[in-house]
Amino acid sequence: TGNLQTPVFTIHPMEVILGDSTELCCTSEEIPPLTFIFYTYK
């Protein structure tokens, strides 16, 4: 029982040119296997 630790989220690179790609990264200290869920904000 208990609460899961909040994951750390980063974007690399954070400054990107329209038309290029960037990488979203989610990191957790919890024990795998884990399901990582990425969100965007409309």
PDB file of all heavy atoms in Angstrom:
ATOM      1  N   THR A   1       0.835  -1.201   0.000  1.00  0.00           N
ATOM      2  CA  THR A   1       0.000   0.000   0.000  1.00  0.00           C
ATOM      3  C   THR A   1       0.872   1.255   0.000  1.00  0.00           C
ATOM      4  O   THR A   1       2.027   1.230   0.421  1.00  0.00           O
ATOM      5  CB  THR A   1      -0.912   0.010   1.230  1.00  0.00           C
ATOM      6  OG1 THR A   1      -0.089  -0.006   2.410  1.00  0.00           O
ATOM      7  CG2 THR A   1      -1.825  -1.206   1.245  1.00  0.00           C
ATOM      8  N   GLY A   2       0.282   2.363  -0.477  1.00  0.00           N
ATOM      9  CA  GLY A   2       1.012   3.633  -0.514  1.00  0.00           C
ATOM     10  C   GLY A   2       0.855   4.317  -1.860  1.00  0.00           C
ATOM     11  O   GLY A   2       0.108   3.854  -2.735  1.00  0.00           O
ATOM     12  N   ASN A   3       1.542   5.441  -2.016  1.00  0.00           N
ATOM     13  CA  ASN A   3       1.453   6.241  -3.243  1.00  0.00           C
ATOM     14  C   ASN A   3       2.703   6.067  -4.102  1.00  0.00           C
ATOM     15  O   ASN A   3       3.820   6.025  -3.586  1.00  0.00           O
ATOM     16  CB  ASN A   3       1.281   7.726  -2.900  1.00  0.00           C
ATOM     17  CG  ASN A   3      -0.012   7.989  -2.145  1.00  0.00           C
ATOM     18  OD1 ASN A   3      -1.060   7.405  -2.465  1.00  0.00           O
ATOM     19  ND2 ASN A   3       0.049   8.849  -1.135  1.00  0.00           N
ATOM     20  N   LEU A   4       2.488   5.997  -5.401  1.00  0.00           N
ATOM     21  CA  LEU A   4       3.612   5.913  -6.337  1.00  0.00           C
ATOM     22  C   LEU A   4       4.341   7.246  -6.384  1.00  0.00           C
ATOM     23  O   LEU A   4       3.718   8.319  -6.283  1.00  0.00           O
ATOM     24  CB  LEU A   4       3.116   5.546  -7.737  1.00  0.00           C
ATOM     25  CG  LEU A   4       2.497   4.160  -7.905  1.00  0.00           C
ATOM     26  CD1 LEU A   4       1.908   4.020  -9.304  1.00  0.00           C
ATOM     27  CD2 LEU A   4       3.535   3.081  -7.666  1.00  0.00           C
ATOM     28  N   GLN A   5       5.644   7.196  -6.557  1.00  0.00           N
ATOM     29  CA  GLN A   5       6.422   8.430  -6.702  1.00  0.00           C
ATOM     30  C   GLN A   5       6.076   9.113  -8.020  1.00  0.00           C
ATOM     31  O   GLN A   5       5.819   8.454  -9.027  1.00  0.00           O
ATOM     32  CB  GLN A   5       7.915   8.128  -6.650  1.00  0.00           C
ATOM     33  CG  GLN A   5       8.411   7.701  -5.283  1.00  0.00           C
ATOM     34  CD  GLN A   5       9.926   7.589  -5.223  1.00  0.00           C
ATOM     35  OE1 GLN A   5      10.622   7.928  -6.168  1.00  0.00           O
ATOM     36  NE2 GLN A   5      10.437   7.110  -4.111  1.00  0.00           N
ATOM     37  N   THR A   6       6.091  10.427  -8.005  1.00  0.00           N
ATOM     38  CA  THR A   6       5.822  11.204  -9.217  1.00  0.00           C
ATOM     39  C   THR A   6       6.994  11.071 -10.178  1.00  0.00           C
ATOM     40  O   THR A   6       8.145  11.271  -9.787  1.00  0.00           O
ATOM     41  CB  THR A   6       5.610  12.687  -8.869  1.00  0.00           C
ATOM     42  OG1 THR A   6       4.537  12.787  -7.929  1.00  0.00           O
ATOM     43  CG2 THR A   6       5.275  13.497 -10.109  1.00  0.00           C
ATOM     44  N   PRO A   7       6.734  10.732 -11.437  1.00  0.00           N
ATOM     45  CA  PRO A   7       7.837  10.575 -12.396  1.00  0.00           C
ATOM     46  C   PRO A   7       8.441  11.914 -12.805  1.00  0.00           C
ATOM     47  O   PRO A   7       7.857  12.982 -12.563  1.00  0.00           O
ATOM     48  CB  PRO A   7       7.162   9.894 -13.600  1.00  0.00           C
ATOM     49  CG  PRO A   7       5.735  10.331 -13.515  1.00  0.00           C
ATOM     50  CD  PRO A   7       5.429  10.451 -12.051  1.00  0.00           C
ATOM     51  N   VAL A   8       9.603  11.836 -13.434  1.00  0.00           N
ATOM     52  CA  VAL A   8      10.290  13.034 -13.942  1.00  0.00           C
ATOM     53  C   VAL A   8      10.131  13.047 -15.465  1.00  0.00           C
ATOM     54  O   VAL A   8      10.417  12.054 -16.143  1.00  0.00           O
ATOM     55  CB  VAL A   8      11.783  13.022 -13.574  1.00  0.00           C
ATOM     56  CG1 VAL A   8      12.500  14.211 -14.205  1.00  0.00           C
ATOM     57  CG2 VAL A   8      11.942  13.033 -12.055  1.00  0.00           C
ATOM     58  N   PHE A   9       9.679  14.184 -15.980  1.00  0.00           N
ATOM     59  CA  PHE A   9       9.418  14.310 -17.418  1.00  0.00           C
ATOM     60  C   PHE A   9      10.332  15.371 -18.030  1.00  0.00           C
ATOM     61  O   PHE A   9      10.501  16.457 -17.474  1.00  0.00           O
ATOM     62  CB  PHE A   9       7.958  14.699 -17.653  1.00  0.00           C
ATOM     63  CG  PHE A   9       7.600  14.886 -19.104  1.00  0.00           C
ATOM     64  CD1 PHE A   9       7.443  13.789 -19.937  1.00  0.00           C
ATOM     65  CD2 PHE A   9       7.435  16.157 -19.630  1.00  0.00           C
ATOM     66  CE1 PHE A   9       7.137  13.956 -21.278  1.00  0.00           C
ATOM     67  CE2 PHE A   9       7.123  16.331 -20.964  1.00  0.00           C
ATOM     68  CZ  PHE A   9       6.972  15.235 -21.786  1.00  0.00           C
ATOM     69  N   THR A  10      10.953  15.034 -19.167  1.00  0.00           N
ATOM     70  CA  THR A  10      11.824  15.981 -19.871  1.00  0.00           C
ATOM     71  C   THR A  10      11.546  15.929 -21.369  1.00  0.00           C
ATOM     72  O   THR A  10      10.998  14.943 -21.884  1.00  0.00           O
ATOM     73  CB  THR A  10      13.323  15.667 -19.640  1.00  0.00           C
ATOM     74  OG1 THR A  10      13.583  14.316 -20.055  1.00  0.00           O
ATOM     75  CG2 THR A  10      13.698  15.835 -18.177  1.00  0.00           C
ATOM     76  N   ILE A  11      11.929  17.002 -22.054  1.00  0.00           N
ATOM     77  CA  ILE A  11      11.858  17.072 -23.521  1.00  0.00           C
ATOM     78  C   ILE A  11      13.232  17.451 -24.034  1.00  0.00           C
ATOM     79  O   ILE A  11      13.840  18.406 -23.545  1.00  0.00           O
ATOM     80  CB  ILE A  11      10.820  18.116 -23.986  1.00  0.00           C
ATOM     81  CG1 ILE A  11       9.424  17.771 -23.459  1.00  0.00           C
ATOM     82  CG2 ILE A  11      10.798  18.209 -25.514  1.00  0.00           C
ATOM     83  CD1 ILE A  11       8.363  18.786 -23.826  1.00  0.00           C
ATOM     84  N   HIS A  12      13.713  16.692 -25.018  1.00  0.00           N
ATOM     85  CA  HIS A  12      15.026  17.002 -25.589  1.00  0.00           C
ATOM     86  C   HIS A  12      15.000  16.822 -27.114  1.00  0.00           C
ATOM     87  O   HIS A  12      14.691  15.752 -27.599  1.00  0.00           O
ATOM     88  CB  HIS A  12      16.094  16.099 -24.990  1.00  0.00           C
ATOM     89  CG  HIS A  12      17.471  16.407 -25.487  1.00  0.00           C
ATOM     90  ND1 HIS A  12      18.185  17.504 -25.031  1.00  0.00           N
ATOM     91  CD2 HIS A  12      18.252  15.792 -26.405  1.00  0.00           C
ATOM     92  CE1 HIS A  12      19.361  17.528 -25.661  1.00  0.00           C
ATOM     93  NE2 HIS A  12      19.417  16.504 -26.484  1.00  0.00           N
ATOM     94  N   PRO A  13      15.303  17.918 -27.853  1.00  0.00           N
ATOM     95  CA  PRO A  13      15.531  19.277 -27.353  1.00  0.00           C
ATOM     96  C   PRO A  13      14.211  19.975 -27.033  1.00  0.00           C
ATOM     97  O   PRO A  13      13.170  19.636 -27.595  1.00  0.00           O
ATOM     98  CB  PRO A  13      16.243  19.949 -28.532  1.00  0.00           C
ATOM     99  CG  PRO A  13      15.703  19.241 -29.735  1.00  0.00           C
ATOM    100  CD  PRO A  13      15.496  17.813 -29.324  1.00  0.00           C
ATOM    101  N   MET A  14      14.283  20.958 -26.146  1.00  0.00           N
ATOM    102  CA  MET A  14      13.084  21.704 -25.778  1.00  0.00           C
ATOM    103  C   MET A  14      12.746  22.753 -26.819  1.00  0.00           C
ATOM    104  O   MET A  14      11.589  23.144 -26.960  1.00  0.00           O
ATOM    105  CB  MET A  14      13.261  22.372 -24.411  1.00  0.00           C
ATOM    106  CG  MET A  14      13.261  21.390 -23.246  1.00  0.00           C
ATOM    107  SD  MET A  14      13.389  22.216 -21.648  1.00  0.00           S
ATOM    108  CE  MET A  14      11.919  23.243 -21.651  1.00  0.00           C
ATOM    109  N   GLU A  15      13.777  23.241 -27.530  1.00  0.00           N
ATOM    110  CA  GLU A  15      13.554  24.197 -28.617  1.00  0.00           C
ATOM    111  C   GLU A  15      13.726  23.452 -29.931  1.00  0.00           C
ATOM    112  O   GLU A  15      14.786  22.894 -30.209  1.00  0.00           O
ATOM    113  CB  GLU A  15      14.548  25.357 -28.523  1.00  0.00           C
ATOM    114  CG  GLU A  15      14.374  26.201 -27.268  1.00  0.00           C
ATOM    115  CD  GLU A  15      15.314  27.386 -27.228  1.00  0.00           C
ATOM    116  OE1 GLU A  15      16.129  27.526 -28.162  1.00  0.00           O
ATOM    117  OE2 GLU A  15      15.227  28.176 -26.270  1.00  0.00           O
ATOM    118  N   VAL A  16      12.669  23.415 -30.714  1.00  0.00           N
ATOM    119  CA  VAL A  16      12.673  22.621 -31.935  1.00  0.00           C
ATOM    120  C   VAL A  16      12.088  23.437 -33.080  1.00  0.00           C
ATOM    121  O   VAL A  16      11.222  24.292 -32.886  1.00  0.00           O
ATOM    122  CB  VAL A  16      11.878  21.317 -31.720  1.00  0.00           C
ATOM    123  CG1 VAL A  16      10.425  21.607 -31.411  1.00  0.00           C
ATOM    124  CG2 VAL A  16      11.996  20.395 -32.913  1.00  0.00           C
ATOM    125  N   ILE A  17      12.596  23.165 -34.291  1.00  0.00           N
ATOM    126  CA  ILE A  17      12.119  23.847 -35.485  1.00  0.00           C
ATOM    127  C   ILE A  17      10.889  23.123 -36.009  1.00  0.00           C
ATOM    128  O   ILE A  17      10.846  21.893 -36.031  1.00  0.00           O
ATOM    129  CB  ILE A  17      13.214  23.886 -36.568  1.00  0.00           C
ATOM    130  CG1 ILE A  17      14.465  24.579 -36.022  1.00  0.00           C
ATOM    131  CG2 ILE A  17      12.720  24.590 -37.817  1.00  0.00           C
ATOM    132  CD1 ILE A  17      15.668  24.441 -36.918  1.00  0.00           C
ATOM    133  N   LEU A  18       9.904  23.869 -36.408  1.00  0.00           N
ATOM    134  CA  LEU A  18       8.699  23.298 -36.987  1.00  0.00           C
ATOM    135  C   LEU A  18       9.086  22.377 -38.141  1.00  0.00           C
ATOM    136  O   LEU A  18       9.832  22.751 -39.035  1.00  0.00           O
ATOM    137  CB  LEU A  18       7.791  24.424 -37.482  1.00  0.00           C
ATOM    138  CG  LEU A  18       6.360  24.059 -37.851  1.00  0.00           C
ATOM    139  CD1 LEU A  18       5.591  23.620 -36.618  1.00  0.00           C
ATOM    140  CD2 LEU A  18       5.661  25.241 -38.510  1.00  0.00           C
ATOM    141  N   GLY A  19       8.594  21.126 -38.086  1.00  0.00           N
ATOM    142  CA  GLY A  19       8.944  20.148 -39.108  1.00  0.00           C
ATOM    143  C   GLY A  19       9.961  19.136 -38.632  1.00  0.00           C
ATOM    144  O   GLY A  19      10.089  18.062 -39.228  1.00  0.00           O
ATOM    145  N   ASP A  20      10.704  19.444 -37.567  1.00  0.00           N
ATOM    146  CA  ASP A  20      11.678  18.516 -37.002  1.00  0.00           C
ATOM    147  C   ASP A  20      11.002  17.648 -35.925  1.00  0.00           C
ATOM    148  O   ASP A  20       9.817  17.797 -35.635  1.00  0.00           O
ATOM    149  CB  ASP A  20      12.858  19.272 -36.401  1.00  0.00           C
ATOM    150  CG  ASP A  20      13.845  19.723 -37.466  1.00  0.00           C
ATOM    151  OD1 ASP A  20      13.691  19.298 -38.624  1.00  0.00           O
ATOM    152  OD2 ASP A  20      14.756  20.505 -37.139  1.00  0.00           O
ATOM    153  N   SER A  21      11.790  16.759 -35.299  1.00  0.00           N
ATOM    154  CA  SER A  21      11.272  15.891 -34.242  1.00  0.00           C
ATOM    155  C   SER A  21      11.973  16.195 -32.922  1.00  0.00           C
ATOM    156  O   SER A  21      13.087  16.722 -32.906  1.00  0.00           O
ATOM    157  CB  SER A  21      11.483  14.414 -34.607  1.00  0.00           C
ATOM    158  OG  SER A  21      10.725  14.072 -35.743  1.00  0.00           O
ATOM    159  N   THR A  22      11.297  15.845 -31.841  1.00  0.00           N
ATOM    160  CA  THR A  22      11.889  15.950 -30.511  1.00  0.00           C
ATOM    161  C   THR A  22      11.551  14.688 -29.730  1.00  0.00           C
ATOM    162  O   THR A  22      10.733  13.869 -30.179  1.00  0.00           O
ATOM    163  CB  THR A  22      11.386  17.209 -29.773  1.00  0.00           C
ATOM    164  OG1 THR A  22      12.150  17.401 -28.590  1.00  0.00           O
ATOM    165  CG2 THR A  22       9.919  17.100 -29.433  1.00  0.00           C
ATOM    166  N   GLU A  23      12.162  14.511 -28.569  1.00  0.00           N
ATOM    167  CA  GLU A  23      11.984  13.281 -27.792  1.00  0.00           C
ATOM    168  C   GLU A  23      11.389  13.594 -26.429  1.00  0.00           C
ATOM    169  O   GLU A  23      11.941  14.389 -25.670  1.00  0.00           O
ATOM    170  CB  GLU A  23      13.331  12.574 -27.636  1.00  0.00           C
ATOM    171  CG  GLU A  23      13.245  11.218 -26.951  1.00  0.00           C
ATOM    172  CD  GLU A  23      14.593  10.514 -26.901  1.00  0.00           C
ATOM    173  OE1 GLU A  23      15.421  10.887 -26.037  1.00  0.00           O
ATOM    174  OE2 GLU A  23      14.827   9.616 -27.728  1.00  0.00           O
ATOM    175  N   LEU A  24      10.264  12.962 -26.126  1.00  0.00           N
ATOM    176  CA  LEU A  24       9.657  13.061 -24.807  1.00  0.00           C
ATOM    177  C   LEU A  24      10.185  11.914 -23.956  1.00  0.00           C
ATOM    178  O   LEU A  24      10.240  10.765 -24.419  1.00  0.00           O
ATOM    179  CB  LEU A  24       8.129  12.972 -24.908  1.00  0.00           C
ATOM    180  CG  LEU A  24       7.438  13.872 -25.938  1.00  0.00           C
ATOM    181  CD1 LEU A  24       5.926  13.694 -25.849  1.00  0.00           C
ATOM    182  CD2 LEU A  24       7.831  15.327 -25.745  1.00  0.00           C
ATOM    183  N   CYS A  25      10.566  12.202 -22.721  1.00  0.00           N
ATOM    184  CA  CYS A  25      11.186  11.181 -21.859  1.00  0.00           C
ATOM    185  C   CYS A  25      10.520  11.180 -20.478  1.00  0.00           C
ATOM    186  O   CYS A  25      10.377  12.237 -19.852  1.00  0.00           O
ATOM    187  CB  CYS A  25      12.685  11.450 -21.729  1.00  0.00           C
ATOM    188  SG  CYS A  25      13.555  10.260 -20.671  1.00  0.00           S
ATOM    189  N   CYS A  26      10.108  10.003 -20.028  1.00  0.00           N
ATOM    190  CA  CYS A  26       9.487   9.845 -18.709  1.00  0.00           C
ATOM    191  C   CYS A  26      10.313   8.843 -17.901  1.00  0.00           C
ATOM    192  O   CYS A  26      10.561   7.721 -18.363  1.00  0.00           O
ATOM    193  CB  CYS A  26       8.049   9.359 -18.861  1.00  0.00           C
ATOM    194  SG  CYS A  26       7.098   9.369 -17.315  1.00  0.00           S
ATOM    195  N   THR A  27      10.740   9.246 -16.702  1.00  0.00           N
ATOM    196  CA  THR A  27      11.604   8.418 -15.866  1.00  0.00           C
ATOM    197  C   THR A  27      10.982   8.240 -14.490  1.00  0.00           C
ATOM    198  O   THR A  27      10.457   9.190 -13.902  1.00  0.00           O
ATOM    199  CB  THR A  27      12.994   9.058 -15.714  1.00  0.00           C
ATOM    200  OG1 THR A  27      13.583   9.216 -17.011  1.00  0.00           O
ATOM    201  CG2 THR A  27      13.908   8.206 -14.853  1.00  0.00           C
ATOM    202  N   SER A  28      11.042   6.999 -13.979  1.00  0.00           N
ATOM    203  CA  SER A  28      10.475   6.697 -12.665  1.00  0.00           C
ATOM    204  C   SER A  28      11.455   5.876 -11.845  1.00  0.00           C
ATOM    205  O   SER A  28      12.231   5.084 -12.382  1.00  0.00           O
ATOM    206  CB  SER A  28       9.166   5.918 -12.823  1.00  0.00           C
ATOM    207  OG  SER A  28       8.692   5.484 -11.567  1.00  0.00           O
ATOM    208  N   GLU A  29      11.405   6.061 -10.520  1.00  0.00           N
ATOM    209  CA  GLU A  29      12.210   5.263  -9.614  1.00  0.00           C
ATOM    210  C   GLU A  29      11.448   4.050  -9.105  1.00  0.00           C
ATOM    211  O   GLU A  29      11.965   3.289  -8.277  1.00  0.00           O
ATOM    212  CB  GLU A  29      12.662   6.132  -8.430  1.00  0.00           C
ATOM    213  CG  GLU A  29      13.661   7.206  -8.806  1.00  0.00           C
ATOM    214  CD  GLU A  29      14.920   6.626  -9.433  1.00  0.00           C
ATOM    215  OE1 GLU A  29      15.417   5.594  -8.939  1.00  0.00           O
ATOM    216  OE2 GLU A  29      15.400   7.188 -10.444  1.00  0.00           O
ATOM    217  N   GLU A  30      10.222   3.860  -9.601  1.00  0.00           N
ATOM    218  CA  GLU A  30       9.444   2.703  -9.179  1.00  0.00           C
ATOM    219  C   GLU A  30       9.969   1.428  -9.852  1.00  0.00           C
ATOM    220  O   GLU A  30      10.824   1.478 -10.734  1.00  0.00           O
ATOM    221  CB  GLU A  30       7.962   2.918  -9.516  1.00  0.00           C
ATOM    222  CG  GLU A  30       7.314   4.071  -8.768  1.00  0.00           C
ATOM    223  CD  GLU A  30       7.223   3.822  -7.262  1.00  0.00           C
ATOM    224  OE1 GLU A  30       7.446   2.691  -6.817  1.00  0.00           O
ATOM    225  OE2 GLU A  30       6.921   4.776  -6.517  1.00  0.00           O
ATOM    226  N   ILE A  31       9.444   0.284  -9.419  1.00  0.00           N
ATOM    227  CA  ILE A  31       9.949  -1.017  -9.846  1.00  0.00           C
ATOM    228  C   ILE A  31       9.178  -1.515 -11.069  1.00  0.00           C
ATOM    229  O   ILE A  31       7.953  -1.643 -11.024  1.00  0.00           O
ATOM    230  CB  ILE A  31       9.838  -2.049  -8.698  1.00  0.00           C
ATOM    231  CG1 ILE A  31      10.463  -1.487  -7.414  1.00  0.00           C
ATOM    232  CG2 ILE A  31      10.491  -3.364  -9.094  1.00  0.00           C
ATOM    233  CD1 ILE A  31      11.923  -1.083  -7.558  1.00  0.00           C
ATOM    234  N   PRO A  32       9.866  -1.796 -12.179  1.00  0.00           N
ATOM    235  CA  PRO A  32       9.193  -2.350 -13.378  1.00  0.00           C
ATOM    236  C   PRO A  32       8.638  -3.744 -13.076  1.00  0.00           C
ATOM    237  O   PRO A  32       9.061  -4.389 -12.103  1.00  0.00           O
ATOM    238  CB  PRO A  32      10.324  -2.397 -14.409  1.00  0.00           C
ATOM    239  CG  PRO A  32      11.382  -1.469 -13.888  1.00  0.00           C
ATOM    240  CD  PRO A  32      11.298  -1.560 -12.398  1.00  0.00           C
ATOM    241  N   PRO A  33       7.700  -4.212 -13.915  1.00  0.00           N
ATOM    242  CA  PRO A  33       7.203  -3.551 -15.133  1.00  0.00           C
ATOM    243  C   PRO A  33       6.249  -2.407 -14.816  1.00  0.00           C
ATOM    244  O   PRO A  33       5.467  -2.485 -13.865  1.00  0.00           O
ATOM    245  CB  PRO A  33       6.498  -4.684 -15.882  1.00  0.00           C
ATOM    246  CG  PRO A  33       6.084  -5.639 -14.798  1.00  0.00           C
ATOM    247  CD  PRO A  33       7.146  -5.584 -13.767  1.00  0.00           C
ATOM    248  N   LEU A  34       6.315  -1.360 -15.641  1.00  0.00           N
ATOM    249  CA  LEU A  34       5.508  -0.160 -15.462  1.00  0.00           C
ATOM    250  C   LEU A  34       4.853   0.222 -16.783  1.00  0.00           C
ATOM    251  O   LEU A  34       5.363  -0.094 -17.860  1.00  0.00           O
ATOM    252  CB  LEU A  34       6.376   1.009 -14.977  1.00  0.00           C
ATOM    253  CG  LEU A  34       7.152   0.824 -13.671  1.00  0.00           C
ATOM    254  CD1 LEU A  34       8.156   1.953 -13.502  1.00  0.00           C
ATOM    255  CD2 LEU A  34       6.205   0.761 -12.481  1.00  0.00           C
ATOM    256  N   THR A  35       3.757   0.929 -16.682  1.00  0.00           N
ATOM    257  CA  THR A  35       3.124   1.513 -17.864  1.00  0.00           C
ATOM    258  C   THR A  35       3.340   3.017 -17.805  1.00  0.00           C
ATOM    259  O   THR A  35       2.936   3.677 -16.840  1.00  0.00           O
ATOM    260  CB  THR A  35       1.622   1.193 -17.923  1.00  0.00           C
ATOM    261  OG1 THR A  35       1.448  -0.219 -18.008  1.00  0.00           O
ATOM    262  CG2 THR A  35       0.981   1.845 -19.147  1.00  0.00           C
ATOM    263  N   PHE A  36       4.000   3.562 -18.834  1.00  0.00           N
ATOM    264  CA  PHE A  36       4.273   5.001 -18.926  1.00  0.00           C
ATOM    265  C   PHE A  36       3.220   5.630 -19.841  1.00  0.00           C
ATOM    266  O   PHE A  36       3.004   5.161 -20.960  1.00  0.00           O
ATOM    267  CB  PHE A  36       5.667   5.245 -19.496  1.00  0.00           C
ATOM    268  CG  PHE A  36       6.785   4.778 -18.599  1.00  0.00           C
ATOM    269  CD1 PHE A  36       7.162   3.441 -18.566  1.00  0.00           C
ATOM    270  CD2 PHE A  36       7.467   5.675 -17.788  1.00  0.00           C
ATOM    271  CE1 PHE A  36       8.192   3.008 -17.745  1.00  0.00           C
ATOM    272  CE2 PHE A  36       8.495   5.250 -16.964  1.00  0.00           C
ATOM    273  CZ  PHE A  36       8.856   3.911 -16.947  1.00  0.00           C
ATOM    274  N   ILE A  37       2.614   6.704 -19.353  1.00  0.00           N
ATOM    275  CA  ILE A  37       1.553   7.375 -20.117  1.00  0.00           C
ATOM    276  C   ILE A  37       1.957   8.830 -20.351  1.00  0.00           C
ATOM    277  O   ILE A  37       2.215   9.569 -19.402  1.00  0.00           O
ATOM    278  CB  ILE A  37       0.206   7.315 -19.372  1.00  0.00           C
ATOM    279  CG1 ILE A  37      -0.131   5.862 -19.000  1.00  0.00           C
ATOM    280  CG2 ILE A  37      -0.911   7.909 -20.228  1.00  0.00           C
ATOM    281  CD1 ILE A  37      -1.293   5.725 -18.050  1.00  0.00           C
ATOM    282  N   PHE A  38       2.027   9.232 -21.626  1.00  0.00           N
ATOM    283  CA  PHE A  38       2.364  10.604 -21.998  1.00  0.00           C
ATOM    284  C   PHE A  38       1.077  11.376 -22.281  1.00  0.00           C
ATOM    285  O   PHE A  38       0.132  10.838 -22.876  1.00  0.00           O
ATOM    286  CB  PHE A  38       3.259  10.622 -23.239  1.00  0.00           C
ATOM    287  CG  PHE A  38       4.617  10.016 -23.015  1.00  0.00           C
ATOM    288  CD1 PHE A  38       4.831   8.658 -23.189  1.00  0.00           C
ATOM    289  CD2 PHE A  38       5.682  10.818 -22.623  1.00  0.00           C
ATOM    290  CE1 PHE A  38       6.083   8.095 -22.980  1.00  0.00           C
ATOM    291  CE2 PHE A  38       6.941  10.257 -22.405  1.00  0.00           C
ATOM    292  CZ  PHE A  38       7.134   8.902 -22.590  1.00  0.00           C
ATOM    293  N   TYR A  39       1.087  12.643 -21.865  1.00  0.00           N
ATOM    294  CA  TYR A  39      -0.100  13.495 -22.026  1.00  0.00           C
ATOM    295  C   TYR A  39       0.272  14.784 -22.759  1.00  0.00           C
ATOM    296  O   TYR A  39       1.385  15.288 -22.627  1.00  0.00           O
ATOM    297  CB  TYR A  39      -0.696  13.872 -20.665  1.00  0.00           C
ATOM    298  CG  TYR A  39      -1.258  12.715 -19.881  1.00  0.00           C
ATOM    299  CD1 TYR A  39      -0.435  11.939 -19.073  1.00  0.00           C
ATOM    300  CD2 TYR A  39      -2.614  12.400 -19.941  1.00  0.00           C
ATOM    301  CE1 TYR A  39      -0.946  10.882 -18.343  1.00  0.00           C
ATOM    302  CE2 TYR A  39      -3.130  11.346 -19.202  1.00  0.00           C
ATOM    303  CZ  TYR A  39      -2.292  10.580 -18.414  1.00  0.00           C
ATOM    304  OH  TYR A  39      -2.791   9.533 -17.694  1.00  0.00           O
ATOM    305  N   THR A  40      -0.708  15.279 -23.509  1.00  0.00           N
ATOM    306  CA  THR A  40      -0.619  16.622 -24.065  1.00  0.00           C
ATOM    307  C   THR A  40      -1.806  17.413 -23.538  1.00  0.00           C
ATOM    308  O   THR A  40      -2.772  16.836 -23.025  1.00  0.00           O
ATOM    309  CB  THR A  40      -0.621  16.590 -25.601  1.00  0.00           C
ATOM    310  OG1 THR A  40      -0.454  17.928 -26.102  1.00  0.00           O
ATOM    311  CG2 THR A  40      -1.917  16.024 -26.149  1.00  0.00           C
ATOM    312  N   TYR A  41      -1.743  18.724 -23.651  1.00  0.00           N
ATOM    313  CA  TYR A  41      -2.787  19.588 -23.103  1.00  0.00           C
ATOM    314  C   TYR A  41      -3.430  20.381 -24.230  1.00  0.00           C
ATOM    315  O   TYR A  41      -2.813  21.293 -24.794  1.00  0.00           O
ATOM    316  CB  TYR A  41      -2.208  20.529 -22.041  1.00  0.00           C
ATOM    317  CG  TYR A  41      -1.768  19.803 -20.801  1.00  0.00           C
ATOM    318  CD1 TYR A  41      -0.594  19.053 -20.780  1.00  0.00           C
ATOM    319  CD2 TYR A  41      -2.542  19.826 -19.647  1.00  0.00           C
ATOM    320  CE1 TYR A  41      -0.196  18.358 -19.643  1.00  0.00           C
ATOM    321  CE2 TYR A  41      -2.150  19.138 -18.500  1.00  0.00           C
ATOM    322  CZ  TYR A  41      -0.973  18.409 -18.514  1.00  0.00           C
ATOM    323  OH  TYR A  41      -0.587  17.723 -17.396  1.00  0.00           O
ATOM    324  N   LYS A  42      -4.659  20.017 -24.578  1.00  0.00           N
ATOM    325  CA  LYS A  42      -5.383  20.707 -25.635  1.00  0.00           C
ATOM    326  C   LYS A  42      -5.747  22.111 -25.161  1.00  0.00           C
ATOM    327  O   LYS A  42      -6.421  22.279 -24.148  1.00  0.00           O
ATOM    328  CB  LYS A  42      -6.649  19.935 -26.016  1.00  0.00           C
ATOM    329  CG  LYS A  42      -6.381  18.565 -26.621  1.00  0.00           C
ATOM    330  CD  LYS A  42      -5.748  18.679 -27.995  1.00  0.00           C
ATOM    331  CE  LYS A  42      -5.567  17.294 -28.626  1.00  0.00           C
ATOM    332  NZ  LYS A  42      -4.904  17.368 -29.938  1.00  0.00           N
TER     333      LYS A  42
END
